[in-house]
Amino acid sequence: LAQHAPTADVVPVATRMDGVKFKKMVRPGDTIDVHATLNEVVSAAYFLTAKIMVAGKLAARLDFACTLASPE
């Protein structure tokens, strides 16, 4: 989303999550890899799909929307 940000001093804020599916337990100390794909941009809303991986295995999948906001 950084390339869509008008300035560098904004952060993404999740506004909606849909189709969340948990496949594998994530335990304290696990390292997660998040693979997110930007599907669509409508005005100031960004629609994405994400896969959360643990040790190369799918732990969760979700569709979500976010917007960019000031960190204050």
PDB file of N, CA and C in Angstrom:
ATOM      1  N   LEU A   1       0.809  -1.202   0.000  1.00  0.00           N
ATOM      2  CA  LEU A   1       0.000   0.000   0.000  1.00  0.00           C
ATOM      3  C   LEU A   1       0.849   1.262   0.000  1.00  0.00           C
ATOM      4  N   ALA A   2       2.126   1.112   0.291  1.00  0.00           N
ATOM      5  CA  ALA A   2       2.992   2.281   0.381  1.00  0.00           C
ATOM      6  C   ALA A   2       2.984   3.100  -0.905  1.00  0.00           C
ATOM      7  N   GLN A   3       2.887   2.449  -2.039  1.00  0.00           N
ATOM      8  CA  GLN A   3       2.897   3.192  -3.305  1.00  0.00           C
ATOM      9  C   GLN A   3       1.613   3.981  -3.530  1.00  0.00           C
ATOM     10  N   HIS A   4       0.546   3.662  -2.790  1.00  0.00           N
ATOM     11  CA  HIS A   4      -0.723   4.380  -2.912  1.00  0.00           C
ATOM     12  C   HIS A   4      -0.858   5.497  -1.876  1.00  0.00           C
ATOM     13  N   ALA A   5       0.061   5.542  -0.911  1.00  0.00           N
ATOM     14  CA  ALA A   5      -0.026   6.524   0.173  1.00  0.00           C
ATOM     15  C   ALA A   5       0.355   7.912  -0.327  1.00  0.00           C
ATOM     16  N   PRO A   6      -0.449   8.926   0.025  1.00  0.00           N
ATOM     17  CA  PRO A   6      -0.122  10.291  -0.400  1.00  0.00           C
ATOM     18  C   PRO A   6       1.133  10.822   0.289  1.00  0.00           C
ATOM     19  N   THR A   7       1.397  10.360   1.519  1.00  0.00           N
ATOM     20  CA  THR A   7       2.600  10.734   2.267  1.00  0.00           C
ATOM     21  C   THR A   7       3.103   9.500   2.996  1.00  0.00           C
ATOM     22  N   ALA A   8       4.312   9.588   3.519  1.00  0.00           N
ATOM     23  CA  ALA A   8       4.906   8.442   4.210  1.00  0.00           C
ATOM     24  C   ALA A   8       4.424   8.316   5.652  1.00  0.00           C
ATOM     25  N   ASP A   9       3.730   9.316   6.169  1.00  0.00           N
ATOM     26  CA  ASP A   9       3.333   9.293   7.581  1.00  0.00           C
ATOM     27  C   ASP A   9       1.896   8.815   7.786  1.00  0.00           C
ATOM     28  N   VAL A  10       1.506   7.758   7.093  1.00  0.00           N
ATOM     29  CA  VAL A  10       0.197   7.126   7.291  1.00  0.00           C
ATOM     30  C   VAL A  10       0.402   5.635   7.548  1.00  0.00           C
ATOM     31  N   VAL A  11      -0.575   5.040   8.203  1.00  0.00           N
ATOM     32  CA  VAL A  11      -0.520   3.607   8.498  1.00  0.00           C
ATOM     33  C   VAL A  11      -1.801   2.943   7.993  1.00  0.00           C
ATOM     34  N   PRO A  12      -1.713   1.680   7.570  1.00  0.00           N
ATOM     35  CA  PRO A  12      -2.932   0.980   7.162  1.00  0.00           C
ATOM     36  C   PRO A  12      -3.753   0.583   8.391  1.00  0.00           C
ATOM     37  N   VAL A  13      -5.062   0.742   8.299  1.00  0.00           N
ATOM     38  CA  VAL A  13      -5.980   0.381   9.381  1.00  0.00           C
ATOM     39  C   VAL A  13      -7.037  -0.549   8.801  1.00  0.00           C
ATOM     40  N   ALA A  14      -7.147  -1.755   9.363  1.00  0.00           N
ATOM     41  CA  ALA A  14      -8.145  -2.719   8.885  1.00  0.00           C
ATOM     42  C   ALA A  14      -9.540  -2.203   9.212  1.00  0.00           C
ATOM     43  N   THR A  15     -10.430  -2.245   8.224  1.00  0.00           N
ATOM     44  CA  THR A  15     -11.794  -1.773   8.424  1.00  0.00           C
ATOM     45  C   THR A  15     -12.820  -2.888   8.298  1.00  0.00           C
ATOM     46  N   ARG A  16     -12.422  -4.004   7.689  1.00  0.00           N
ATOM     47  CA  ARG A  16     -13.359  -5.122   7.530  1.00  0.00           C
ATOM     48  C   ARG A  16     -12.572  -6.397   7.254  1.00  0.00           C
ATOM     49  N   MET A  17     -13.037  -7.511   7.815  1.00  0.00           N
ATOM     50  CA  MET A  17     -12.471  -8.829   7.530  1.00  0.00           C
ATOM     51  C   MET A  17     -13.610  -9.757   7.153  1.00  0.00           C
ATOM     52  N   ASP A  18     -13.353 -10.608   6.158  1.00  0.00           N
ATOM     53  CA  ASP A  18     -14.401 -11.493   5.658  1.00  0.00           C
ATOM     54  C   ASP A  18     -13.773 -12.826   5.274  1.00  0.00           C
ATOM     55  N   GLY A  19     -14.526 -13.886   5.408  1.00  0.00           N
ATOM     56  CA  GLY A  19     -14.060 -15.201   4.983  1.00  0.00           C
ATOM     57  C   GLY A  19     -12.824 -15.666   5.724  1.00  0.00           C
ATOM     58  N   VAL A  20     -12.704 -15.312   6.994  1.00  0.00           N
ATOM     59  CA  VAL A  20     -11.526 -15.700   7.771  1.00  0.00           C
ATOM     60  C   VAL A  20     -11.601 -17.198   8.063  1.00  0.00           C
ATOM     61  N   LYS A  21     -10.532 -17.909   7.699  1.00  0.00           N
ATOM     62  CA  LYS A  21     -10.474 -19.354   7.939  1.00  0.00           C
ATOM     63  C   LYS A  21      -9.157 -19.674   8.630  1.00  0.00           C
ATOM     64  N   PHE A  22      -9.258 -20.298   9.793  1.00  0.00           N
ATOM     65  CA  PHE A  22      -8.077 -20.721  10.537  1.00  0.00           C
ATOM     66  C   PHE A  22      -7.826 -22.189  10.236  1.00  0.00           C
ATOM     67  N   LYS A  23      -6.616 -22.512   9.793  1.00  0.00           N
ATOM     68  CA  LYS A  23      -6.277 -23.876   9.385  1.00  0.00           C
ATOM     69  C   LYS A  23      -5.285 -24.544  10.325  1.00  0.00           C
ATOM     70  N   LYS A  24      -4.440 -23.762  10.970  1.00  0.00           N
ATOM     71  CA  LYS A  24      -3.364 -24.309  11.795  1.00  0.00           C
ATOM     72  C   LYS A  24      -3.137 -23.373  12.976  1.00  0.00           C
ATOM     73  N   MET A  25      -2.859 -23.954  14.116  1.00  0.00           N
ATOM     74  CA  MET A  25      -2.594 -23.174  15.328  1.00  0.00           C
ATOM     75  C   MET A  25      -1.273 -22.416  15.182  1.00  0.00           C
ATOM     76  N   VAL A  26      -1.279 -21.151  15.584  1.00  0.00           N
ATOM     77  CA  VAL A  26      -0.055 -20.360  15.664  1.00  0.00           C
ATOM     78  C   VAL A  26       0.278 -20.243  17.144  1.00  0.00           C
ATOM     79  N   ARG A  27       1.450 -20.722  17.511  1.00  0.00           N
ATOM     80  CA  ARG A  27       1.837 -20.774  18.920  1.00  0.00           C
ATOM     81  C   ARG A  27       2.858 -19.679  19.238  1.00  0.00           C
ATOM     82  N   PRO A  28       2.948 -19.293  20.513  1.00  0.00           N
ATOM     83  CA  PRO A  28       3.970 -18.313  20.896  1.00  0.00           C
ATOM     84  C   PRO A  28       5.347 -18.790  20.438  1.00  0.00           C
ATOM     85  N   GLY A  29       6.097 -17.882  19.851  1.00  0.00           N
ATOM     86  CA  GLY A  29       7.431 -18.219  19.359  1.00  0.00           C
ATOM     87  C   GLY A  29       7.458 -18.590  17.887  1.00  0.00           C
ATOM     88  N   ASP A  30       6.285 -18.912  17.298  1.00  0.00           N
ATOM     89  CA  ASP A  30       6.226 -19.211  15.863  1.00  0.00           C
ATOM     90  C   ASP A  30       6.520 -17.942  15.068  1.00  0.00           C
ATOM     91  N   THR A  31       7.142 -18.123  13.930  1.00  0.00           N
ATOM     92  CA  THR A  31       7.347 -17.021  12.992  1.00  0.00           C
ATOM     93  C   THR A  31       6.306 -17.146  11.900  1.00  0.00           C
ATOM     94  N   ILE A  32       5.588 -16.064  11.642  1.00  0.00           N
ATOM     95  CA  ILE A  32       4.572 -16.098  10.589  1.00  0.00           C
ATOM     96  C   ILE A  32       5.054 -15.301   9.381  1.00  0.00           C
ATOM     97  N   ASP A  33       4.640 -15.751   8.218  1.00  0.00           N
ATOM     98  CA  ASP A  33       4.861 -15.028   6.969  1.00  0.00           C
ATOM     99  C   ASP A  33       3.488 -14.631   6.462  1.00  0.00           C
ATOM    100  N   VAL A  34       3.321 -13.357   6.158  1.00  0.00           N
ATOM    101  CA  VAL A  34       2.047 -12.859   5.651  1.00  0.00           C
ATOM    102  C   VAL A  34       2.224 -12.514   4.176  1.00  0.00           C
ATOM    103  N   HIS A  35       1.416 -13.148   3.342  1.00  0.00           N
ATOM    104  CA  HIS A  35       1.430 -12.895   1.905  1.00  0.00           C
ATOM    105  C   HIS A  35       0.111 -12.213   1.561  1.00  0.00           C
ATOM    106  N   ALA A  36       0.173 -10.931   1.222  1.00  0.00           N
ATOM    107  CA  ALA A  36      -1.040 -10.164   0.923  1.00  0.00           C
ATOM    108  C   ALA A  36      -1.042  -9.748  -0.542  1.00  0.00           C
ATOM    109  N   THR A  37      -2.222  -9.831  -1.152  1.00  0.00           N
ATOM    110  CA  THR A  37      -2.411  -9.434  -2.539  1.00  0.00           C
ATOM    111  C   THR A  37      -3.454  -8.329  -2.593  1.00  0.00           C
ATOM    112  N   LEU A  38      -3.102  -7.224  -3.223  1.00  0.00           N
ATOM    113  CA  LEU A  38      -4.042  -6.119  -3.402  1.00  0.00           C
ATOM    114  C   LEU A  38      -4.953  -6.463  -4.571  1.00  0.00           C
ATOM    115  N   ASN A  39      -6.250  -6.590  -4.296  1.00  0.00           N
ATOM    116  CA  ASN A  39      -7.222  -6.976  -5.320  1.00  0.00           C
ATOM    117  C   ASN A  39      -7.874  -5.792  -6.012  1.00  0.00           C
ATOM    118  N   GLU A  40      -8.157  -4.739  -5.232  1.00  0.00           N
ATOM    119  CA  GLU A  40      -8.915  -3.617  -5.795  1.00  0.00           C
ATOM    120  C   GLU A  40      -8.728  -2.377  -4.929  1.00  0.00           C
ATOM    121  N   VAL A  41      -8.788  -1.224  -5.559  1.00  0.00           N
ATOM    122  CA  VAL A  41      -8.768   0.057  -4.849  1.00  0.00           C
ATOM    123  C   VAL A  41     -10.011   0.819  -5.268  1.00  0.00           C
ATOM    124  N   VAL A  42     -10.825   1.204  -4.271  1.00  0.00           N
ATOM    125  CA  VAL A  42     -12.025   1.996  -4.533  1.00  0.00           C
ATOM    126  C   VAL A  42     -11.954   3.218  -3.629  1.00  0.00           C
ATOM    127  N   SER A  43     -11.715   4.360  -4.235  1.00  0.00           N
ATOM    128  CA  SER A  43     -11.553   5.608  -3.506  1.00  0.00           C
ATOM    129  C   SER A  43     -10.432   5.436  -2.484  1.00  0.00           C
ATOM    130  N   ALA A  44     -10.728   5.557  -1.191  1.00  0.00           N
ATOM    131  CA  ALA A  44      -9.700   5.409  -0.157  1.00  0.00           C
ATOM    132  C   ALA A  44      -9.731   4.031   0.496  1.00  0.00           C
ATOM    133  N   ALA A  45     -10.454   3.074  -0.106  1.00  0.00           N
ATOM    134  CA  ALA A  45     -10.548   1.720   0.447  1.00  0.00           C
ATOM    135  C   ALA A  45      -9.700   0.762  -0.388  1.00  0.00           C
ATOM    136  N   TYR A  46      -8.957  -0.080   0.303  1.00  0.00           N
ATOM    137  CA  TYR A  46      -8.088  -1.066  -0.337  1.00  0.00           C
ATOM    138  C   TYR A  46      -8.591  -2.455   0.044  1.00  0.00           C
ATOM    139  N   PHE A  47      -8.819  -3.299  -0.943  1.00  0.00           N
ATOM    140  CA  PHE A  47      -9.346  -4.642  -0.718  1.00  0.00           C
ATOM    141  C   PHE A  47      -8.249  -5.652  -1.019  1.00  0.00           C
ATOM    142  N   LEU A  48      -7.973  -6.508  -0.034  1.00  0.00           N
ATOM    143  CA  LEU A  48      -6.856  -7.433  -0.139  1.00  0.00           C
ATOM    144  C   LEU A  48      -7.260  -8.852   0.240  1.00  0.00           C
ATOM    145  N   THR A  49      -6.433  -9.798  -0.168  1.00  0.00           N
ATOM    146  CA  THR A  49      -6.533 -11.186   0.266  1.00  0.00           C
ATOM    147  C   THR A  49      -5.197 -11.524   0.905  1.00  0.00           C
ATOM    148  N   ALA A  50      -5.228 -12.208   2.046  1.00  0.00           N
ATOM    149  CA  ALA A  50      -3.983 -12.554   2.727  1.00  0.00           C
ATOM    150  C   ALA A  50      -3.955 -14.030   3.094  1.00  0.00           C
ATOM    151  N   LYS A  51      -2.748 -14.581   3.052  1.00  0.00           N
ATOM    152  CA  LYS A  51      -2.482 -15.930   3.540  1.00  0.00           C
ATOM    153  C   LYS A  51      -1.425 -15.792   4.621  1.00  0.00           C
ATOM    154  N   ILE A  52      -1.664 -16.429   5.761  1.00  0.00           N
ATOM    155  CA  ILE A  52      -0.703 -16.429   6.855  1.00  0.00           C
ATOM    156  C   ILE A  52      -0.102 -17.820   6.907  1.00  0.00           C
ATOM    157  N   MET A  53       1.221 -17.887   6.794  1.00  0.00           N
ATOM    158  CA  MET A  53       1.931 -19.160   6.740  1.00  0.00           C
ATOM    159  C   MET A  53       2.786 -19.337   7.990  1.00  0.00           C
ATOM    160  N   VAL A  54       2.867 -20.585   8.484  1.00  0.00           N
ATOM    161  CA  VAL A  54       3.747 -20.948   9.585  1.00  0.00           C
ATOM    162  C   VAL A  54       4.526 -22.174   9.132  1.00  0.00           C
ATOM    163  N   ALA A  55       5.838 -22.074   9.134  1.00  0.00           N
ATOM    164  CA  ALA A  55       6.709 -23.180   8.712  1.00  0.00           C
ATOM    165  C   ALA A  55       6.313 -23.704   7.331  1.00  0.00           C
ATOM    166  N   GLY A  56       5.948 -22.788   6.442  1.00  0.00           N
ATOM    167  CA  GLY A  56       5.598 -23.166   5.075  1.00  0.00           C
ATOM    168  C   GLY A  56       4.211 -23.746   4.899  1.00  0.00           C
ATOM    169  N   LYS A  57       3.426 -23.797   5.971  1.00  0.00           N
ATOM    170  CA  LYS A  57       2.065 -24.340   5.897  1.00  0.00           C
ATOM    171  C   LYS A  57       1.044 -23.239   6.157  1.00  0.00           C
ATOM    172  N   LEU A  58      -0.092 -23.345   5.470  1.00  0.00           N
ATOM    173  CA  LEU A  58      -1.151 -22.353   5.613  1.00  0.00           C
ATOM    174  C   LEU A  58      -1.754 -22.408   7.015  1.00  0.00           C
ATOM    175  N   ALA A  59      -1.720 -21.273   7.721  1.00  0.00           N
ATOM    176  CA  ALA A  59      -2.299 -21.187   9.057  1.00  0.00           C
ATOM    177  C   ALA A  59      -3.644 -20.468   9.033  1.00  0.00           C
ATOM    178  N   ALA A  60      -3.793 -19.499   8.132  1.00  0.00           N
ATOM    179  CA  ALA A  60      -5.047 -18.750   8.040  1.00  0.00           C
ATOM    180  C   ALA A  60      -5.132 -18.079   6.677  1.00  0.00           C
ATOM    181  N   ARG A  61      -6.359 -17.784   6.291  1.00  0.00           N
ATOM    182  CA  ARG A  61      -6.631 -17.080   5.039  1.00  0.00           C
ATOM    183  C   ARG A  61      -7.770 -16.107   5.305  1.00  0.00           C
ATOM    184  N   LEU A  62      -7.714 -14.918   4.694  1.00  0.00           N
ATOM    185  CA  LEU A  62      -8.790 -13.961   4.877  1.00  0.00           C
ATOM    186  C   LEU A  62      -8.809 -12.936   3.756  1.00  0.00           C
ATOM    187  N   ASP A  63      -9.991 -12.376   3.549  1.00  0.00           N
ATOM    188  CA  ASP A  63     -10.168 -11.213   2.695  1.00  0.00           C
ATOM    189  C   ASP A  63     -10.388 -10.048   3.646  1.00  0.00           C
ATOM    190  N   PHE A  64      -9.779  -8.911   3.357  1.00  0.00           N
ATOM    191  CA  PHE A  64      -9.966  -7.774   4.249  1.00  0.00           C
ATOM    192  C   PHE A  64      -9.875  -6.462   3.489  1.00  0.00           C
ATOM    193  N   ALA A  65     -10.377  -5.431   4.131  1.00  0.00           N
ATOM    194  CA  ALA A  65     -10.315  -4.082   3.580  1.00  0.00           C
ATOM    195  C   ALA A  65      -9.582  -3.203   4.577  1.00  0.00           C
ATOM    196  N   CYS A  66      -8.908  -2.208   4.057  1.00  0.00           N
ATOM    197  CA  CYS A  66      -8.259  -1.254   4.947  1.00  0.00           C
ATOM    198  C   CYS A  66      -8.254   0.121   4.296  1.00  0.00           C
ATOM    199  N   THR A  67      -7.917   1.094   5.111  1.00  0.00           N
ATOM    200  CA  THR A  67      -7.754   2.464   4.645  1.00  0.00           C
ATOM    201  C   THR A  67      -6.458   2.985   5.239  1.00  0.00           C
ATOM    202  N   LEU A  68      -6.005   4.123   4.788  1.00  0.00           N
ATOM    203  CA  LEU A  68      -4.786   4.721   5.316  1.00  0.00           C
ATOM    204  C   LEU A  68      -5.171   5.865   6.244  1.00  0.00           C
ATOM    205  N   ALA A  69      -4.524   5.908   7.427  1.00  0.00           N
ATOM    206  CA  ALA A  69      -4.861   6.924   8.422  1.00  0.00           C
ATOM    207  C   ALA A  69      -3.592   7.462   9.070  1.00  0.00           C
ATOM    208  N   SER A  70      -3.718   8.632   9.649  1.00  0.00           N
ATOM    209  CA  SER A  70      -2.621   9.224  10.406  1.00  0.00           C
ATOM    210  C   SER A  70      -2.408   8.403  11.673  1.00  0.00           C
ATOM    211  N   PRO A  71      -1.176   8.176  12.101  1.00  0.00           N
ATOM    212  CA  PRO A  71      -0.944   7.360  13.300  1.00  0.00           C
ATOM    213  C   PRO A  71      -1.360   8.043  14.600  1.00  0.00           C
ATOM    214  N   GLU A  72      -1.789   9.277  14.543  1.00  0.00           N
ATOM    215  CA  GLU A  72      -2.180  10.004  15.764  1.00  0.00           C
ATOM    216  C   GLU A  72      -3.622   9.787  16.108  1.00  0.00           C
TER     217      GLU A  72
END
